[in-house]
Amino acid sequence: MKYHEMYLAENNLSISGHKAVLTFINRFNAFYSDEEYVIQRAESIELLPEEYELALNTFDAKFYEKGNKQTTVKEKNHFCKGFSQ
């Protein structure tokens, strides 16, 4: 297990805290590699099998019903898609 994965697993960070750690790592890697840091990376669209898309749509609808904001639901959906790869 990589150090940052171990750190994130051992510390109960919020989503924003988790993002801050990963942003720091990306910025440091860019600096160390003498590359320009890109704040926003283009999101690639990856199609999931139909049964996963249906499950994710149901998942999204449940959180909309609970009153989650669109940005929150989109973020949860993004994390779910990350686990499916």
N, C-alpha and C. Protein backbone atom coordinates (compact mmCIF):
# COMPACT_ATOMS: atom_id res chain seq x y z
N MET A 1 0.85 -1.18 0.00
CA MET A 1 0.00 0.00 0.00
C MET A 1 0.89 1.24 0.00
N LYS A 2 0.55 2.20 -0.84
CA LYS A 2 1.32 3.43 -0.91
C LYS A 2 1.06 4.27 0.33
N TYR A 3 2.02 5.12 0.66
CA TYR A 3 1.91 5.93 1.88
C TYR A 3 0.63 6.76 1.92
N HIS A 4 0.32 7.46 0.82
CA HIS A 4 -0.88 8.32 0.85
C HIS A 4 -2.16 7.49 1.00
N GLU A 5 -2.19 6.29 0.43
CA GLU A 5 -3.36 5.43 0.59
C GLU A 5 -3.49 4.98 2.05
N MET A 6 -2.35 4.67 2.67
CA MET A 6 -2.35 4.27 4.07
C MET A 6 -2.78 5.45 4.95
N TYR A 7 -2.26 6.64 4.65
CA TYR A 7 -2.61 7.84 5.41
C TYR A 7 -4.12 8.11 5.33
N LEU A 8 -4.66 8.04 4.13
CA LEU A 8 -6.08 8.29 3.95
C LEU A 8 -6.94 7.23 4.62
N ALA A 9 -6.47 5.99 4.62
CA ALA A 9 -7.22 4.91 5.27
C ALA A 9 -7.20 5.05 6.78
N GLU A 10 -6.08 5.50 7.34
CA GLU A 10 -5.92 5.59 8.80
C GLU A 10 -6.54 6.84 9.40
N ASN A 11 -6.70 7.90 8.59
CA ASN A 11 -7.24 9.17 9.10
C ASN A 11 -8.63 9.38 8.54
N ASN A 12 -9.52 9.73 9.42
CA ASN A 12 -10.91 9.92 9.02
C ASN A 12 -11.08 11.33 8.46
N LEU A 13 -10.74 11.50 7.18
CA LEU A 13 -10.80 12.81 6.55
C LEU A 13 -12.14 13.00 5.85
N SER A 14 -12.56 14.25 5.80
CA SER A 14 -13.74 14.59 5.02
C SER A 14 -13.38 14.48 3.55
N ILE A 15 -14.38 14.61 2.70
CA ILE A 15 -14.12 14.56 1.26
C ILE A 15 -13.19 15.69 0.85
N SER A 16 -13.41 16.88 1.42
CA SER A 16 -12.55 18.01 1.06
C SER A 16 -11.13 17.79 1.58
N GLY A 17 -10.99 17.18 2.73
CA GLY A 17 -9.66 16.86 3.26
C GLY A 17 -8.94 15.85 2.39
N HIS A 18 -9.69 14.85 1.95
CA HIS A 18 -9.15 13.84 1.05
C HIS A 18 -8.67 14.49 -0.25
N LYS A 19 -9.49 15.38 -0.80
CA LYS A 19 -9.12 16.08 -2.04
C LYS A 19 -7.89 16.96 -1.82
N ALA A 20 -7.80 17.59 -0.65
CA ALA A 20 -6.65 18.46 -0.37
C ALA A 20 -5.36 17.66 -0.38
N VAL A 21 -5.39 16.46 0.22
CA VAL A 21 -4.19 15.60 0.23
C VAL A 21 -3.81 15.22 -1.19
N LEU A 22 -4.78 14.79 -1.98
CA LEU A 22 -4.48 14.38 -3.36
C LEU A 22 -4.02 15.56 -4.21
N THR A 23 -4.60 16.73 -3.98
CA THR A 23 -4.17 17.93 -4.71
C THR A 23 -2.72 18.26 -4.38
N PHE A 24 -2.38 18.18 -3.09
CA PHE A 24 -1.00 18.43 -2.69
C PHE A 24 -0.05 17.46 -3.38
N ILE A 25 -0.40 16.19 -3.40
CA ILE A 25 0.45 15.18 -4.03
C ILE A 25 0.62 15.48 -5.52
N ASN A 26 -0.48 15.81 -6.19
CA ASN A 26 -0.39 16.12 -7.62
C ASN A 26 0.45 17.36 -7.88
N ARG A 27 0.27 18.40 -7.05
CA ARG A 27 1.07 19.62 -7.22
C ARG A 27 2.55 19.35 -6.96
N PHE A 28 2.83 18.58 -5.92
CA PHE A 28 4.22 18.27 -5.59
C PHE A 28 4.86 17.44 -6.70
N ASN A 29 4.12 16.46 -7.22
CA ASN A 29 4.64 15.64 -8.32
C ASN A 29 4.94 16.49 -9.54
N ALA A 30 4.05 17.43 -9.85
CA ALA A 30 4.28 18.31 -11.00
C ALA A 30 5.52 19.17 -10.77
N PHE A 31 5.66 19.72 -9.57
CA PHE A 31 6.82 20.54 -9.24
C PHE A 31 8.10 19.71 -9.34
N TYR A 32 8.08 18.52 -8.74
CA TYR A 32 9.26 17.65 -8.73
C TYR A 32 9.64 17.22 -10.15
N SER A 33 8.64 17.01 -10.99
CA SER A 33 8.89 16.57 -12.37
C SER A 33 9.12 17.74 -13.31
N ASP A 34 9.13 18.95 -12.77
CA ASP A 34 9.31 20.17 -13.55
C ASP A 34 8.26 20.27 -14.66
N GLU A 35 7.01 19.96 -14.29
CA GLU A 35 5.89 20.05 -15.21
C GLU A 35 4.94 21.12 -14.72
N GLU A 36 4.15 21.63 -15.62
CA GLU A 36 3.12 22.60 -15.23
C GLU A 36 1.98 21.87 -14.56
N TYR A 37 1.54 22.38 -13.41
CA TYR A 37 0.40 21.79 -12.72
C TYR A 37 -0.88 22.21 -13.40
N VAL A 38 -1.73 21.26 -13.71
CA VAL A 38 -3.01 21.54 -14.36
C VAL A 38 -4.09 21.43 -13.30
N ILE A 39 -4.78 22.56 -13.04
CA ILE A 39 -5.79 22.58 -11.98
C ILE A 39 -6.95 21.66 -12.32
N GLN A 40 -7.50 21.81 -13.48
CA GLN A 40 -8.61 20.96 -13.90
C GLN A 40 -8.13 19.99 -14.96
N ARG A 41 -8.42 18.75 -14.75
CA ARG A 41 -8.10 17.75 -15.76
C ARG A 41 -9.38 17.43 -16.52
N ALA A 42 -9.25 17.21 -17.80
CA ALA A 42 -10.44 16.88 -18.59
C ALA A 42 -11.00 15.55 -18.12
N GLU A 43 -12.30 15.52 -17.92
CA GLU A 43 -12.94 14.28 -17.52
C GLU A 43 -13.26 13.48 -18.77
N SER A 44 -12.85 12.24 -18.76
CA SER A 44 -13.18 11.40 -19.89
C SER A 44 -14.48 10.68 -19.58
N ILE A 45 -15.27 10.49 -20.59
CA ILE A 45 -16.54 9.80 -20.41
C ILE A 45 -16.29 8.32 -20.67
N GLU A 46 -16.61 7.53 -19.66
CA GLU A 46 -16.44 6.10 -19.79
C GLU A 46 -17.80 5.45 -19.61
N LEU A 47 -18.17 4.64 -20.57
CA LEU A 47 -19.47 3.98 -20.51
C LEU A 47 -19.37 2.71 -19.70
N LEU A 48 -20.32 2.54 -18.81
CA LEU A 48 -20.39 1.33 -18.00
C LEU A 48 -21.39 0.37 -18.64
N PRO A 49 -21.29 -0.91 -18.28
CA PRO A 49 -22.32 -1.83 -18.77
C PRO A 49 -23.71 -1.34 -18.33
N GLU A 50 -24.71 -1.70 -19.09
CA GLU A 50 -26.07 -1.19 -18.87
C GLU A 50 -26.58 -1.43 -17.45
N GLU A 51 -26.28 -2.60 -16.87
CA GLU A 51 -26.78 -2.90 -15.52
C GLU A 51 -26.17 -1.96 -14.47
N TYR A 52 -24.93 -1.52 -14.67
CA TYR A 52 -24.30 -0.58 -13.74
C TYR A 52 -24.89 0.82 -13.90
N GLU A 53 -25.16 1.21 -15.14
CA GLU A 53 -25.76 2.52 -15.38
C GLU A 53 -27.13 2.60 -14.71
N LEU A 54 -27.92 1.54 -14.81
CA LEU A 54 -29.23 1.50 -14.18
C LEU A 54 -29.09 1.60 -12.66
N ALA A 55 -28.13 0.87 -12.10
CA ALA A 55 -27.91 0.92 -10.65
C ALA A 55 -27.47 2.32 -10.22
N LEU A 56 -26.58 2.95 -10.98
CA LEU A 56 -26.12 4.29 -10.64
C LEU A 56 -27.25 5.32 -10.77
N ASN A 57 -28.10 5.17 -11.76
CA ASN A 57 -29.23 6.08 -11.90
C ASN A 57 -30.18 5.95 -10.72
N THR A 58 -30.40 4.72 -10.25
CA THR A 58 -31.24 4.49 -9.07
C THR A 58 -30.57 5.09 -7.84
N PHE A 59 -29.26 4.90 -7.73
CA PHE A 59 -28.47 5.46 -6.63
C PHE A 59 -28.59 6.99 -6.61
N ASP A 60 -28.44 7.61 -7.77
CA ASP A 60 -28.55 9.07 -7.88
C ASP A 60 -29.93 9.54 -7.44
N ALA A 61 -30.97 8.87 -7.94
CA ALA A 61 -32.34 9.27 -7.61
C ALA A 61 -32.59 9.19 -6.11
N LYS A 62 -32.05 8.18 -5.46
CA LYS A 62 -32.24 8.02 -4.01
C LYS A 62 -31.65 9.22 -3.26
N PHE A 63 -30.46 9.66 -3.66
CA PHE A 63 -29.82 10.77 -2.96
C PHE A 63 -30.47 12.11 -3.30
N TYR A 64 -31.02 12.24 -4.51
CA TYR A 64 -31.79 13.45 -4.83
C TYR A 64 -33.02 13.52 -3.93
N GLU A 65 -33.68 12.36 -3.74
CA GLU A 65 -34.86 12.30 -2.88
C GLU A 65 -34.52 12.67 -1.43
N LYS A 66 -33.32 12.31 -1.00
CA LYS A 66 -32.88 12.63 0.37
C LYS A 66 -32.54 14.10 0.52
N GLY A 67 -32.50 14.83 -0.60
CA GLY A 67 -32.23 16.26 -0.53
C GLY A 67 -30.80 16.66 -0.82
N ASN A 68 -29.98 15.71 -1.31
CA ASN A 68 -28.60 16.05 -1.66
C ASN A 68 -28.58 16.98 -2.86
N LYS A 69 -27.62 17.90 -2.87
CA LYS A 69 -27.46 18.81 -3.99
C LYS A 69 -26.90 18.07 -5.19
N GLN A 70 -27.10 18.66 -6.36
CA GLN A 70 -26.64 18.03 -7.60
C GLN A 70 -25.13 17.78 -7.57
N THR A 71 -24.36 18.73 -7.04
CA THR A 71 -22.90 18.55 -7.00
C THR A 71 -22.51 17.39 -6.10
N THR A 72 -23.24 17.21 -5.00
CA THR A 72 -22.96 16.10 -4.08
C THR A 72 -23.26 14.77 -4.75
N VAL A 73 -24.41 14.69 -5.41
CA VAL A 73 -24.80 13.45 -6.09
C VAL A 73 -23.81 13.13 -7.21
N LYS A 74 -23.39 14.15 -7.95
CA LYS A 74 -22.43 13.95 -9.03
C LYS A 74 -21.10 13.42 -8.48
N GLU A 75 -20.68 13.95 -7.33
CA GLU A 75 -19.43 13.50 -6.73
C GLU A 75 -19.53 12.05 -6.27
N LYS A 76 -20.65 11.69 -5.65
CA LYS A 76 -20.85 10.30 -5.21
C LYS A 76 -20.86 9.37 -6.41
N ASN A 77 -21.52 9.79 -7.49
CA ASN A 77 -21.58 9.00 -8.70
C ASN A 77 -20.17 8.79 -9.27
N HIS A 78 -19.38 9.86 -9.27
CA HIS A 78 -18.01 9.80 -9.79
C HIS A 78 -17.18 8.79 -8.98
N PHE A 79 -17.31 8.80 -7.65
CA PHE A 79 -16.57 7.85 -6.82
C PHE A 79 -17.01 6.43 -7.12
N CYS A 80 -18.30 6.22 -7.29
CA CYS A 80 -18.79 4.87 -7.61
C CYS A 80 -18.22 4.37 -8.92
N LYS A 81 -18.19 5.24 -9.92
CA LYS A 81 -17.63 4.84 -11.21
C LYS A 81 -16.15 4.51 -11.09
N GLY A 82 -15.44 5.20 -10.20
CA GLY A 82 -14.03 4.92 -9.98
C GLY A 82 -13.80 3.53 -9.41
N PHE A 83 -14.72 3.07 -8.55
CA PHE A 83 -14.58 1.74 -7.95
C PHE A 83 -14.88 0.64 -8.95
N SER A 84 -15.67 0.95 -9.97
CA SER A 84 -16.07 -0.08 -10.93
C SER A 84 -14.99 -0.39 -11.95
N GLN A 85 -13.92 0.40 -11.97
CA GLN A 85 -12.88 0.20 -12.98
C GLN A 85 -11.83 -0.75 -12.51
